Protein backbone atom coordinates (compact mmCIF):
# COMPACT_ATOMS: atom_id res chain seq x y z
CA ILE A 1 28.06 11.35 -29.24
CA HIS A 2 24.31 10.69 -29.63
CA LEU A 3 21.56 10.36 -27.07
CA HIS A 4 21.32 6.61 -27.72
CA THR A 5 24.16 5.78 -25.30
CA PRO A 6 24.15 4.07 -21.86
CA MET A 7 24.47 7.36 -19.97
CA TYR A 8 21.33 8.74 -21.59
CA PHE A 9 19.50 5.47 -21.18
CA PHE A 10 20.05 5.69 -17.45
CA LEU A 11 19.13 9.36 -17.48
CA MET A 12 15.83 8.44 -19.10
CA ASN A 13 15.12 5.95 -16.27
CA LEU A 14 16.14 8.62 -13.73
CA SER A 15 13.75 11.06 -15.36
CA ILE A 16 10.89 8.58 -15.05
CA VAL A 17 11.68 8.11 -11.33
CA ASP A 18 11.72 11.91 -10.81
CA LEU A 19 8.42 12.36 -12.65
CA VAL A 20 6.64 9.63 -10.68
CA SER A 21 8.20 10.86 -7.37
CA LEU A 22 6.56 14.26 -7.73
CA SER A 23 3.19 12.65 -8.48
CA VAL A 24 3.30 10.62 -5.24
CA ILE A 25 3.31 13.55 -2.82
CA VAL A 26 2.58 16.83 -4.60
CA PRO A 27 -0.97 16.18 -5.97
CA LYS A 28 -2.30 15.01 -2.58
CA SER A 29 -0.69 17.95 -0.78
CA MET A 30 -2.11 20.39 -3.32
CA ALA A 31 -5.60 18.80 -3.04
CA ASN A 32 -5.53 19.06 0.75
CA SER A 33 -4.46 22.67 0.49
CA LEU A 34 -7.19 23.60 -1.97
CA MET A 35 -9.92 21.76 -0.03
CA ASN A 36 -8.57 23.04 3.34
CA THR A 37 -8.25 19.56 4.76
CA ARG A 38 -5.40 17.48 6.25
CA SER A 39 -6.87 13.97 6.01
CA ILE A 40 -5.57 10.89 4.20
CA SER A 41 -6.96 7.40 4.16
CA TYR A 42 -5.14 4.44 5.61
CA ALA A 43 -4.76 2.87 2.14
CA GLY A 44 -3.53 6.26 0.80
CA CYS A 45 -0.95 6.43 3.57
CA VAL A 46 0.31 2.91 2.79
CA ALA A 47 0.50 3.80 -0.90
CA GLN A 48 2.48 6.96 -0.19
CA VAL A 49 5.02 5.11 1.98
CA PHE A 50 5.33 2.27 -0.56
CA PHE A 51 5.91 4.43 -3.61
CA LEU A 52 8.12 6.93 -1.83
CA ILE A 53 10.51 4.21 -0.61
CA PHE A 54 10.33 2.39 -3.92
CA LEU A 55 11.29 5.52 -5.87
CA LEU A 56 13.99 6.62 -3.44
CA VAL A 57 15.66 3.18 -3.63
CA ALA A 58 15.28 3.00 -7.44
CA ASP A 59 16.74 6.50 -7.68
CA TYR A 60 19.75 5.65 -5.50
CA SER A 61 20.26 2.33 -7.35
CA LEU A 62 20.24 4.11 -10.73
CA LEU A 63 22.75 6.65 -9.47
CA THR A 64 25.00 3.81 -8.34
CA VAL A 65 24.73 2.16 -11.80
CA MET A 66 25.53 5.50 -13.45
CA ALA A 67 28.71 5.77 -11.34
CA TYR A 68 29.73 2.35 -12.71
CA ASP A 69 28.94 3.59 -16.24
CA ARG A 70 31.18 6.62 -15.80
CA TYR A 71 33.90 4.46 -14.31
CA VAL A 72 33.97 2.09 -17.28
CA ALA A 73 33.72 4.98 -19.80
CA ILE A 74 36.73 6.86 -18.33
CA CYS A 75 38.89 4.18 -16.78
CA GLN A 76 38.30 1.34 -19.28
CA PRO A 77 37.26 3.09 -22.53
CA LEU A 78 38.46 0.26 -24.78
CA HIS A 79 36.07 -2.17 -23.06
CA TYR A 80 33.14 0.24 -22.78
CA GLU A 81 31.09 -1.02 -25.73
CA THR A 82 31.53 -4.63 -24.57
CA MET A 83 30.82 -4.08 -20.90
CA MET A 84 28.04 -1.54 -21.34
CA ASN A 85 26.17 -3.17 -24.22
CA SER A 86 22.40 -2.79 -24.53
CA ARG A 87 21.65 -6.07 -22.74
CA ALA A 88 23.83 -5.16 -19.77
CA CYS A 89 22.25 -1.73 -19.52
CA VAL A 90 18.73 -3.14 -19.55
CA GLN A 91 19.66 -5.71 -16.92
CA MET A 92 21.21 -3.04 -14.64
CA ALA A 93 18.25 -0.70 -15.03
CA ALA A 94 15.80 -3.56 -14.37
CA GLY A 95 17.83 -4.51 -11.30
CA ALA A 96 17.49 -0.98 -9.93
CA TRP A 97 13.72 -1.01 -10.37
CA ILE A 98 13.31 -4.51 -8.99
CA SER A 99 15.50 -3.75 -5.97
CA GLY A 100 13.30 -0.68 -5.25
CA ILE A 101 10.13 -2.83 -5.37
CA LEU A 102 11.49 -5.60 -3.15
CA TYR A 103 12.95 -3.24 -0.56
CA SER A 104 9.75 -1.19 -0.52
CA VAL A 105 7.61 -4.25 0.04
CA LEU A 106 9.86 -5.29 2.96
CA HIS A 107 10.00 -1.85 4.55
CA THR A 108 6.34 -0.89 4.04
CA GLY A 109 5.06 -4.30 5.18
CA ASN A 110 7.19 -4.22 8.27
CA THR A 111 6.13 -0.63 9.14
CA PHE A 112 2.38 -1.21 8.89
CA ALA A 113 2.61 -4.59 10.67
CA LEU A 114 3.47 -2.60 13.81
CA THR A 115 0.83 -1.78 16.39
CA PHE A 116 -0.24 1.87 16.37
CA CYS A 117 -1.54 3.26 19.63
CA GLY A 118 -0.39 6.86 19.56
CA GLY A 119 -3.30 8.42 17.71
CA ASN A 120 -3.78 9.06 14.00
CA MET A 121 -2.13 12.42 13.50
CA VAL A 122 1.03 12.41 11.35
CA ASP A 123 3.01 15.63 11.86
CA GLN A 124 4.22 15.84 8.29
CA LEU A 125 3.16 16.88 4.78
CA PHE A 126 2.81 13.22 3.84
CA CYS A 127 3.03 9.77 5.47
CA GLU A 128 6.66 9.45 6.50
CA ILE A 129 8.14 6.45 8.32
CA PRO A 130 9.92 8.39 11.10
CA GLN A 131 6.63 10.14 11.89
CA LEU A 132 4.63 6.93 11.74
CA LEU A 133 7.02 5.30 14.21
CA LYS A 134 6.08 7.96 16.74
CA LEU A 135 2.55 6.54 16.71
CA THR A 136 3.62 2.97 17.46
CA CYS A 137 3.40 1.31 20.83
CA SER A 138 6.51 1.48 23.05
CA ASP A 139 7.97 -1.95 22.25
CA SER A 140 6.46 -2.84 18.87
CA TYR A 141 8.83 -0.65 16.82
CA MET A 142 11.83 -2.76 17.81
CA SER A 143 11.17 -5.04 14.84
CA GLU A 144 11.91 -2.04 12.57
CA VAL A 145 15.49 -1.83 13.97
CA GLY A 146 16.62 -4.78 11.87
CA VAL A 147 15.17 -3.32 8.68
CA ILE A 148 16.79 0.08 9.45
CA ALA A 149 20.18 -1.60 10.10
CA PHE A 150 19.83 -3.45 6.77
CA SER A 151 18.94 -0.18 5.06
CA ILE A 152 22.05 1.56 6.47
CA CYS A 153 24.26 -1.31 5.23
CA LEU A 154 22.81 -1.06 1.70
CA VAL A 155 23.11 2.73 1.57
CA LEU A 156 26.72 2.61 2.85
CA GLY A 157 27.59 -0.14 0.45
CA CYS A 158 26.31 1.84 -2.57
CA PHE A 159 27.95 5.03 -1.23
CA ILE A 160 31.32 3.27 -0.83
CA PHE A 161 31.01 1.91 -4.36
CA ILE A 162 30.23 5.33 -5.78
CA THR A 163 33.10 6.86 -3.78
CA VAL A 164 35.65 4.26 -4.86
CA SER A 165 34.45 4.58 -8.51
CA TYR A 166 34.98 8.33 -8.51
CA VAL A 167 38.35 8.10 -6.80
CA GLN A 168 39.47 5.91 -9.70
CA ILE A 169 37.79 8.24 -12.20
CA PHE A 170 39.51 11.36 -10.83
CA LYS A 171 42.87 9.56 -10.84
CA SER A 172 42.41 8.74 -14.50
CA VAL A 173 41.15 12.16 -15.39
CA LEU A 174 44.03 13.98 -13.68
CA ARG A 175 46.43 11.98 -15.85
CA ILE A 176 44.77 13.35 -19.00
CA PRO A 177 46.46 16.44 -20.46
CA PRO A 178 44.13 19.47 -20.24
CA GLU A 179 43.92 19.85 -23.97
CA GLN A 180 42.78 16.21 -24.47
CA GLY A 181 39.34 16.30 -22.84
CA ARG A 182 39.88 16.71 -19.10
CA HIS A 183 37.17 19.38 -18.96
CA LYS A 184 34.71 17.19 -20.85
CA ALA A 185 35.34 14.28 -18.46
CA PHE A 186 34.71 16.48 -15.42
CA SER A 187 31.58 17.98 -17.01
CA THR A 188 29.95 14.53 -17.25
CA CYS A 189 30.89 13.53 -13.69
CA LEU A 190 30.21 16.65 -11.66
CA PRO A 191 26.42 16.73 -12.35
CA HIS A 192 26.21 13.08 -11.21
CA LEU A 193 28.14 13.82 -8.00
CA THR A 194 25.92 16.82 -7.29
CA VAL A 195 22.71 14.74 -7.62
CA VAL A 196 24.15 11.93 -5.44
CA SER A 197 25.23 14.44 -2.75
CA LEU A 198 21.84 16.15 -2.76
CA LEU A 199 19.93 12.91 -2.38
CA VAL A 200 22.18 11.20 0.17
CA CYS A 201 22.60 14.24 2.43
CA SER A 202 18.94 15.17 2.53
CA VAL A 203 17.73 11.60 3.15
CA ALA A 204 20.43 10.90 5.78
CA PHE A 205 19.61 14.05 7.71
CA ALA A 206 15.83 13.44 7.56
CA TYR A 207 16.01 9.78 8.71
CA LEU A 208 19.00 9.73 11.04
CA LYS A 209 18.42 12.92 13.05
CA PRO A 210 16.88 12.38 16.52
CA THR A 211 13.08 12.52 16.37
CA SER A 212 11.34 15.10 18.55
CA SER A 213 8.01 14.62 20.27
CA SER A 214 6.62 17.85 18.81
CA PRO A 215 6.62 18.86 15.10
CA SER A 216 9.13 21.37 13.93
CA ALA A 217 9.66 23.49 10.84
CA LEU A 218 12.99 21.65 10.26
CA ASP A 219 11.11 18.34 9.84
CA LEU A 220 8.94 19.88 7.15
CA VAL A 221 11.88 21.49 5.38
CA MET A 222 13.92 18.25 5.33
CA ALA A 223 10.86 16.32 4.01
CA VAL A 224 10.58 18.73 1.10
CA LEU A 225 14.36 18.56 0.49
CA TYR A 226 14.53 14.84 -0.07
CA SER A 227 11.11 14.16 -1.52
CA VAL A 228 10.51 17.16 -3.87
CA LEU A 229 13.76 19.01 -4.43
CA PRO A 230 15.91 16.22 -6.00
CA PRO A 231 13.24 15.34 -8.65
CA ILE A 232 13.00 19.04 -9.56
CA MET A 233 16.71 19.70 -9.54
CA ASN A 234 17.94 16.57 -11.35
CA PRO A 235 16.79 17.62 -14.85
CA ILE A 236 18.11 21.14 -14.34
CA ILE A 237 21.52 19.93 -13.07
CA TYR A 238 22.01 17.49 -15.93
CA SER A 239 20.62 19.63 -18.75
CA MET A 240 22.50 22.76 -17.76
CA ARG A 241 25.80 20.90 -17.78
CA ASN A 242 25.31 18.77 -20.88
CA LYS A 243 25.82 20.09 -24.39
CA GLU A 244 24.31 17.03 -26.03
CA ILE A 245 20.97 17.53 -24.28
CA LYS A 246 20.98 21.22 -25.22
CA ALA A 247 21.75 20.40 -28.81
CA ALA A 248 18.93 17.74 -28.88
CA LEU A 249 16.46 20.28 -27.53
CA ARG A 250 17.49 22.80 -30.15
CA ARG A 251 17.01 20.23 -32.92
CA LEU A 252 13.64 19.18 -31.42
CA THR A 253 12.24 22.72 -31.24
CA GLY A 254 14.00 23.94 -34.36
CA SER A 255 15.27 27.05 -32.61
CA ASN A 256 18.09 28.19 -30.37
CA ILE A 257 16.16 27.47 -27.15
CA SER A 258 17.74 28.54 -23.87
CA LEU A 259 17.36 26.36 -20.82
CA TYR A 260 17.20 29.30 -18.42
CA PRO A 261 13.48 29.92 -19.01
CA LEU A 262 12.95 26.14 -18.58
CA GLN A 263 14.64 26.40 -15.18
CA ARG A 264 12.33 29.20 -14.05
CA VAL A 265 9.22 27.36 -15.17
CA LYS A 266 10.20 24.14 -13.43
CA THR A 267 11.07 25.99 -10.23
CA THR A 268 7.79 27.83 -10.22
CA MET A 269 5.66 24.80 -10.85
CA GLY A 270 7.47 22.82 -8.25
């Protein structure tokens, strides 16, 4: 197995999403901390909301496509090269990016079309839609309900697709004798399930929990969990579980590099 396969193509796209996600929030937060300020321009707030939603949707879409890739690889291995050819992979990856852009335009445009009359203080580390909705006038936020309902339908649809895919995958894997690659099949699926669970649980808790009138430490913690933690953890989760990535890093550096120091550096910098 080489790194020029669909799974690694999608991992490359996921890595780009993770890298850009960190650059949306972390630099501004660090700059405010160093300059001892808490201000952000209106345009900067719009940009943060747009890119954060865009990258979250693109991330989730890519994870859904990767679930389909694992399903075809394990449940229909004889048709894998035909169904997951380079053209199909590019189209699915492009669909994930385009869906993120379209949804972000819809959600960001609808949010900032609302009338704000509750001040200009956002009780969060960055501009977050639940916190912005607290600043809207009493009745103007009702237009956001339709967008939120649409969002829930999309998230549930992708989640059901991922769940059904993995039910079929585990059924197929459990029929494989242990000596014929059951461990290898699980080792490629468990990192993906871990990443999906981390993203879905943190976002769901942050956006679906009842909003309080006063800021709380829990709001800040959940914001960090879904905006910063997944991009940091995704490379660690996949690289620590994947022998092909470890072998590629060894060939690239020309030494028996260990990924444990890499984990410490990434965690410290994050």
